[in-house]
Every structure is written in structure tokens, then in C-alpha cells.
N, C-alpha and C. Protein backbone atom coordinates (compact mmCIF):
# COMPACT_ATOMS: atom_id res chain seq x y z
N MET A 1 2.94 -5.71 13.90
CA MET A 1 3.93 -4.73 13.54
C MET A 1 5.30 -5.35 13.71
N PRO A 2 6.25 -5.08 12.92
CA PRO A 2 6.11 -4.37 11.65
C PRO A 2 5.43 -5.25 10.60
N LEU A 3 4.82 -4.58 9.66
CA LEU A 3 4.16 -5.28 8.56
C LEU A 3 5.19 -5.79 7.57
N PRO A 4 4.92 -6.91 6.94
CA PRO A 4 5.76 -7.30 5.81
C PRO A 4 5.69 -6.21 4.73
N VAL A 5 6.78 -5.99 4.04
CA VAL A 5 6.85 -4.93 3.03
C VAL A 5 5.75 -5.08 1.98
N ALA A 6 5.51 -6.30 1.53
CA ALA A 6 4.48 -6.53 0.50
C ALA A 6 3.12 -6.07 1.00
N GLU A 7 2.81 -6.35 2.26
CA GLU A 7 1.50 -5.96 2.80
C GLU A 7 1.39 -4.44 2.93
N PHE A 8 2.46 -3.78 3.32
CA PHE A 8 2.40 -2.33 3.42
C PHE A 8 2.18 -1.71 2.04
N HIS A 9 2.83 -2.26 1.03
CA HIS A 9 2.61 -1.76 -0.34
C HIS A 9 1.16 -1.96 -0.77
N VAL A 10 0.56 -3.07 -0.42
CA VAL A 10 -0.85 -3.31 -0.77
C VAL A 10 -1.74 -2.29 -0.06
N LEU A 11 -1.49 -2.05 1.22
CA LEU A 11 -2.28 -1.05 1.94
C LEU A 11 -2.16 0.33 1.29
N LEU A 12 -0.95 0.69 0.89
CA LEU A 12 -0.76 1.98 0.21
C LEU A 12 -1.51 2.03 -1.12
N ALA A 13 -1.47 0.93 -1.86
CA ALA A 13 -2.15 0.89 -3.16
C ALA A 13 -3.66 1.05 -3.00
N LEU A 14 -4.20 0.58 -1.88
CA LEU A 14 -5.64 0.66 -1.66
C LEU A 14 -6.05 1.89 -0.87
N SER A 15 -5.10 2.72 -0.50
CA SER A 15 -5.42 3.88 0.34
C SER A 15 -6.23 4.95 -0.37
N ASP A 16 -6.17 4.99 -1.70
CA ASP A 16 -6.91 6.03 -2.40
C ASP A 16 -8.08 5.51 -3.23
N GLU A 17 -8.12 4.21 -3.49
CA GLU A 17 -9.27 3.64 -4.21
C GLU A 17 -9.23 2.12 -4.15
N ASP A 18 -10.40 1.52 -4.35
CA ASP A 18 -10.49 0.07 -4.43
C ASP A 18 -9.82 -0.37 -5.73
N ARG A 19 -9.17 -1.52 -5.69
CA ARG A 19 -8.49 -2.03 -6.88
C ARG A 19 -8.61 -3.54 -6.92
N TYR A 20 -8.48 -4.10 -8.10
CA TYR A 20 -8.39 -5.55 -8.25
C TYR A 20 -6.91 -5.92 -8.21
N GLY A 21 -6.61 -7.22 -8.14
CA GLY A 21 -5.24 -7.67 -7.95
C GLY A 21 -4.23 -7.07 -8.91
N HIS A 22 -4.50 -7.16 -10.21
CA HIS A 22 -3.55 -6.63 -11.19
C HIS A 22 -3.43 -5.12 -11.05
N GLY A 23 -4.52 -4.44 -10.71
CA GLY A 23 -4.46 -3.00 -10.49
C GLY A 23 -3.58 -2.63 -9.31
N ILE A 24 -3.61 -3.47 -8.26
CA ILE A 24 -2.72 -3.26 -7.11
C ILE A 24 -1.28 -3.40 -7.56
N LYS A 25 -1.01 -4.45 -8.32
CA LYS A 25 0.35 -4.70 -8.83
C LYS A 25 0.85 -3.52 -9.67
N LEU A 26 0.00 -3.00 -10.55
CA LEU A 26 0.39 -1.87 -11.40
C LEU A 26 0.64 -0.61 -10.58
N ASP A 27 -0.21 -0.36 -9.58
CA ASP A 27 -0.04 0.82 -8.74
C ASP A 27 1.30 0.77 -8.01
N ILE A 28 1.62 -0.39 -7.46
CA ILE A 28 2.88 -0.55 -6.73
C ILE A 28 4.07 -0.33 -7.66
N ALA A 29 4.04 -0.93 -8.84
CA ALA A 29 5.14 -0.78 -9.79
C ALA A 29 5.29 0.68 -10.22
N GLU A 30 4.16 1.35 -10.47
CA GLU A 30 4.21 2.75 -10.89
C GLU A 30 4.71 3.66 -9.77
N ARG A 31 4.18 3.46 -8.57
CA ARG A 31 4.55 4.30 -7.43
C ARG A 31 6.01 4.15 -7.05
N THR A 32 6.59 2.97 -7.31
CA THR A 32 7.99 2.74 -6.96
C THR A 32 8.91 2.84 -8.17
N ALA A 33 8.40 3.40 -9.27
CA ALA A 33 9.17 3.55 -10.50
C ALA A 33 9.79 2.22 -10.93
N GLY A 34 9.03 1.14 -10.78
CA GLY A 34 9.47 -0.17 -11.21
C GLY A 34 10.43 -0.87 -10.28
N GLU A 35 10.76 -0.25 -9.15
CA GLU A 35 11.69 -0.86 -8.19
C GLU A 35 11.06 -2.06 -7.48
N VAL A 36 9.75 -2.01 -7.28
CA VAL A 36 9.05 -3.12 -6.62
C VAL A 36 8.06 -3.70 -7.61
N VAL A 37 8.30 -4.93 -8.00
CA VAL A 37 7.38 -5.64 -8.90
C VAL A 37 6.98 -6.92 -8.17
N MET A 38 5.71 -7.03 -7.86
CA MET A 38 5.22 -8.19 -7.12
C MET A 38 4.75 -9.28 -8.05
N GLY A 39 5.27 -10.47 -7.83
CA GLY A 39 4.79 -11.62 -8.56
C GLY A 39 3.44 -12.06 -8.01
N PRO A 40 2.72 -12.89 -8.77
CA PRO A 40 1.39 -13.29 -8.33
C PRO A 40 1.37 -14.03 -6.99
N GLY A 41 2.35 -14.87 -6.72
CA GLY A 41 2.38 -15.58 -5.44
C GLY A 41 2.50 -14.64 -4.26
N THR A 42 3.40 -13.67 -4.37
CA THR A 42 3.59 -12.70 -3.30
C THR A 42 2.35 -11.84 -3.13
N LEU A 43 1.82 -11.33 -4.24
CA LEU A 43 0.67 -10.43 -4.19
C LEU A 43 -0.56 -11.14 -3.64
N TYR A 44 -0.94 -12.25 -4.24
CA TYR A 44 -2.18 -12.91 -3.82
C TYR A 44 -2.03 -13.59 -2.46
N GLY A 45 -0.82 -14.00 -2.09
CA GLY A 45 -0.59 -14.50 -0.74
C GLY A 45 -0.82 -13.40 0.28
N ALA A 46 -0.28 -12.21 -0.01
CA ALA A 46 -0.48 -11.05 0.88
C ALA A 46 -1.95 -10.69 0.97
N ILE A 47 -2.64 -10.69 -0.16
CA ILE A 47 -4.07 -10.35 -0.16
C ILE A 47 -4.85 -11.34 0.70
N ARG A 48 -4.59 -12.64 0.54
CA ARG A 48 -5.30 -13.65 1.35
C ARG A 48 -5.07 -13.44 2.85
N ARG A 49 -3.82 -13.22 3.23
CA ARG A 49 -3.51 -13.00 4.65
C ARG A 49 -4.20 -11.75 5.18
N MET A 50 -4.20 -10.69 4.36
CA MET A 50 -4.77 -9.43 4.81
C MET A 50 -6.29 -9.49 4.91
N VAL A 51 -6.92 -10.26 4.04
CA VAL A 51 -8.37 -10.46 4.15
C VAL A 51 -8.67 -11.22 5.43
N ARG A 52 -7.91 -12.28 5.70
CA ARG A 52 -8.11 -13.06 6.93
C ARG A 52 -7.96 -12.20 8.18
N ARG A 53 -7.01 -11.27 8.15
CA ARG A 53 -6.76 -10.41 9.31
C ARG A 53 -7.64 -9.17 9.30
N ARG A 54 -8.51 -9.06 8.32
CA ARG A 54 -9.49 -7.97 8.19
C ARG A 54 -8.84 -6.59 7.99
N LEU A 55 -7.69 -6.58 7.33
CA LEU A 55 -7.05 -5.31 6.96
C LEU A 55 -7.64 -4.78 5.66
N ILE A 56 -8.02 -5.71 4.79
CA ILE A 56 -8.69 -5.36 3.54
C ILE A 56 -9.90 -6.28 3.40
N GLU A 57 -10.81 -5.89 2.51
CA GLU A 57 -11.99 -6.71 2.28
C GLU A 57 -12.33 -6.70 0.80
N GLU A 58 -12.99 -7.77 0.38
CA GLU A 58 -13.44 -7.82 -1.01
C GLU A 58 -14.62 -6.88 -1.16
N ARG A 59 -14.65 -6.18 -2.29
CA ARG A 59 -15.70 -5.19 -2.54
C ARG A 59 -16.33 -5.44 -3.90
N LEU A 60 -17.52 -4.93 -4.08
CA LEU A 60 -18.17 -4.99 -5.38
C LEU A 60 -17.51 -3.97 -6.30
N PRO A 61 -17.41 -4.28 -7.60
CA PRO A 61 -16.81 -3.30 -8.52
C PRO A 61 -17.66 -2.03 -8.58
N ALA A 62 -17.00 -0.93 -8.87
CA ALA A 62 -17.68 0.37 -8.91
C ALA A 62 -18.75 0.40 -9.99
N ARG A 63 -18.49 -0.23 -11.13
CA ARG A 63 -19.45 -0.21 -12.24
C ARG A 63 -20.01 -1.61 -12.44
N SER A 64 -21.25 -1.81 -12.07
CA SER A 64 -21.84 -3.13 -12.28
C SER A 64 -22.25 -3.29 -13.74
N GLY A 65 -22.33 -4.52 -14.19
CA GLY A 65 -22.73 -4.78 -15.57
C GLY A 65 -21.60 -4.73 -16.57
N GLN A 66 -20.39 -4.44 -16.13
CA GLN A 66 -19.25 -4.37 -17.03
C GLN A 66 -18.55 -5.72 -17.09
N ALA A 67 -17.76 -5.94 -18.10
CA ALA A 67 -17.04 -7.20 -18.28
C ALA A 67 -16.08 -7.47 -17.12
N HIS A 68 -15.55 -6.42 -16.52
CA HIS A 68 -14.58 -6.61 -15.45
C HIS A 68 -15.22 -6.96 -14.11
N ASP A 69 -16.54 -7.13 -14.08
CA ASP A 69 -17.23 -7.44 -12.82
C ASP A 69 -16.77 -8.75 -12.20
N ARG A 70 -16.18 -9.64 -12.98
CA ARG A 70 -15.72 -10.91 -12.44
C ARG A 70 -14.42 -10.76 -11.65
N ARG A 71 -13.78 -9.64 -11.78
CA ARG A 71 -12.56 -9.40 -11.00
C ARG A 71 -12.93 -9.21 -9.54
N ARG A 72 -12.01 -9.59 -8.69
CA ARG A 72 -12.22 -9.36 -7.27
C ARG A 72 -11.55 -8.04 -6.89
N TYR A 73 -12.36 -7.11 -6.43
CA TYR A 73 -11.85 -5.82 -6.00
C TYR A 73 -11.65 -5.84 -4.50
N TYR A 74 -10.66 -5.08 -4.04
CA TYR A 74 -10.35 -5.02 -2.62
C TYR A 74 -10.28 -3.57 -2.18
N GLY A 75 -10.64 -3.35 -0.94
CA GLY A 75 -10.55 -2.02 -0.35
C GLY A 75 -10.10 -2.12 1.09
N LEU A 76 -9.61 -1.01 1.62
CA LEU A 76 -9.16 -0.97 3.01
C LEU A 76 -10.34 -1.01 3.96
N THR A 77 -10.16 -1.68 5.07
CA THR A 77 -11.12 -1.61 6.16
C THR A 77 -10.64 -0.49 7.09
N SER A 78 -11.45 -0.15 8.08
CA SER A 78 -11.00 0.88 9.04
C SER A 78 -9.77 0.38 9.79
N LEU A 79 -9.72 -0.92 10.10
CA LEU A 79 -8.53 -1.48 10.75
C LEU A 79 -7.32 -1.37 9.83
N GLY A 80 -7.50 -1.64 8.54
CA GLY A 80 -6.40 -1.52 7.58
C GLY A 80 -5.86 -0.10 7.49
N LYS A 81 -6.76 0.90 7.53
CA LYS A 81 -6.32 2.30 7.51
C LYS A 81 -5.49 2.62 8.75
N GLU A 82 -5.95 2.13 9.89
CA GLU A 82 -5.23 2.38 11.14
C GLU A 82 -3.86 1.71 11.14
N VAL A 83 -3.81 0.48 10.68
CA VAL A 83 -2.54 -0.25 10.64
C VAL A 83 -1.57 0.43 9.67
N ALA A 84 -2.07 0.90 8.52
CA ALA A 84 -1.21 1.60 7.56
C ALA A 84 -0.64 2.88 8.19
N ALA A 85 -1.48 3.62 8.91
CA ALA A 85 -1.02 4.86 9.56
C ALA A 85 0.02 4.56 10.63
N GLN A 86 -0.21 3.51 11.41
CA GLN A 86 0.75 3.14 12.46
C GLN A 86 2.09 2.70 11.86
N GLU A 87 2.01 1.94 10.78
CA GLU A 87 3.25 1.48 10.14
C GLU A 87 4.02 2.65 9.54
N ALA A 88 3.31 3.59 8.92
CA ALA A 88 3.97 4.78 8.36
C ALA A 88 4.64 5.59 9.47
N GLU A 89 3.97 5.72 10.60
CA GLU A 89 4.54 6.45 11.73
C GLU A 89 5.78 5.73 12.27
N ARG A 90 5.72 4.40 12.36
CA ARG A 90 6.86 3.62 12.82
C ARG A 90 8.07 3.84 11.89
N MET A 91 7.81 3.82 10.58
CA MET A 91 8.89 4.04 9.61
C MET A 91 9.44 5.46 9.71
N LYS A 92 8.56 6.42 9.90
CA LYS A 92 8.99 7.81 10.04
C LYS A 92 9.93 7.96 11.22
N GLN A 93 9.60 7.33 12.34
CA GLN A 93 10.46 7.40 13.52
C GLN A 93 11.82 6.76 13.25
N LEU A 94 11.83 5.65 12.51
CA LEU A 94 13.11 5.01 12.17
C LEU A 94 13.96 5.91 11.28
N VAL A 95 13.33 6.58 10.32
CA VAL A 95 14.07 7.48 9.43
C VAL A 95 14.63 8.66 10.23
N GLU A 96 13.85 9.17 11.18
CA GLU A 96 14.33 10.27 12.02
C GLU A 96 15.55 9.84 12.83
N ILE A 97 15.53 8.61 13.35
CA ILE A 97 16.69 8.08 14.08
C ILE A 97 17.89 7.96 13.14
N ALA A 98 17.65 7.47 11.93
CA ALA A 98 18.74 7.33 10.95
C ALA A 98 19.35 8.69 10.62
N HIS A 99 18.52 9.73 10.51
CA HIS A 99 19.05 11.07 10.27
C HIS A 99 19.87 11.55 11.46
N ALA A 100 19.35 11.36 12.66
CA ALA A 100 20.05 11.80 13.86
C ALA A 100 21.39 11.09 14.01
N LYS A 101 21.46 9.84 13.59
CA LYS A 101 22.69 9.06 13.68
C LYS A 101 23.59 9.28 12.47
N ARG A 102 23.14 10.14 11.56
CA ARG A 102 23.88 10.46 10.34
C ARG A 102 24.12 9.24 9.45
N VAL A 103 23.16 8.35 9.49
CA VAL A 103 23.21 7.17 8.62
C VAL A 103 22.83 7.56 7.20
N VAL A 104 21.92 8.51 7.08
CA VAL A 104 21.51 9.03 5.78
C VAL A 104 21.59 10.55 5.82
N GLU A 105 21.79 11.13 4.64
CA GLU A 105 21.82 12.59 4.56
C GLU A 105 20.41 13.14 4.71
N SER A 106 20.34 14.34 5.21
CA SER A 106 19.03 14.99 5.32
C SER A 106 18.49 15.28 3.95
N TRP A 107 17.18 15.17 3.83
CA TRP A 107 16.53 15.52 2.58
C TRP A 107 16.50 17.02 2.45
N LYS A 108 16.34 17.47 1.22
CA LYS A 108 16.22 18.91 0.99
C LYS A 108 15.03 19.42 1.78
N THR A 109 15.20 20.58 2.36
CA THR A 109 14.09 21.19 3.09
C THR A 109 13.38 22.21 2.23
N ASP A 110 13.90 22.47 1.01
CA ASP A 110 13.24 23.41 0.12
C ASP A 110 11.95 22.76 -0.39
N LEU A 111 10.88 23.42 -0.20
CA LEU A 111 9.62 22.92 -0.72
C LEU A 111 9.10 23.87 -1.78
N ILE A 112 8.56 23.31 -2.81
CA ILE A 112 7.93 24.11 -3.85
C ILE A 112 6.48 24.27 -3.45
N VAL A 113 6.05 25.47 -3.27
CA VAL A 113 4.67 25.73 -2.88
C VAL A 113 3.93 26.20 -4.11
N ILE A 114 2.88 25.47 -4.45
CA ILE A 114 2.07 25.83 -5.61
C ILE A 114 0.77 26.44 -5.09
N PRO A 115 0.55 27.72 -5.39
CA PRO A 115 -0.67 28.37 -4.85
C PRO A 115 -1.93 27.82 -5.48
């Protein structure tokens, strides 16, 4: 802790489903509205480090027998889920301090509730 930003983005991309490298890259770009675009060196370097540290693991593709089976899919390990949660909590605490110090304006507290 703290995690490198690239690694946290990879953990977030894998938090809802297994993905292959390019799928991780697309998820990150979409989720950040194009603000974060990872090049192959950054992405695959992060993936290699995270596999070594057992935060993510290589997985079999969901659909066997398809052309995309040669892609390497990755998913979160239980350790990866825990590390992602701890990092999110660490960031939340930092944002709360920034609000208390008036470094950033408070976010709107109005929530839209959809029944």
C-alpha cells in the first residue's frame, strides 16, 4: 500500500468479471471517460507484477472452443479483492481529509433514488 494507480485500475476492471488484456484496457478507458489510457507496457507490466503477487490470476475463457480462447484472461484472487477494498478505503479516508481541510468542495448530497 498504496498501490500504483495502474494496478488499482486493473483491480477495478476485474472486479466485476474476468477480462483479457485488451478488455481490461477498454474497461479502464470507458470507466474514466478516456482520461486514463494504458499503453501495452504499462498494462502488461502491471499484469505481470500482479500475477506474481497473487492479486490476479490467469483464468480459462468463459466460452471454450471459441477463436478468442488463445487470449489470456485474468480474474481477481481473494487477496486481490481484499487489496482493492483496502486501497479504496485508504483513498476514501484521504478524500474525507481533503474535504475537512477544504481542499476540495463537497460533492452534492442529493441522491436520485430509483425505486
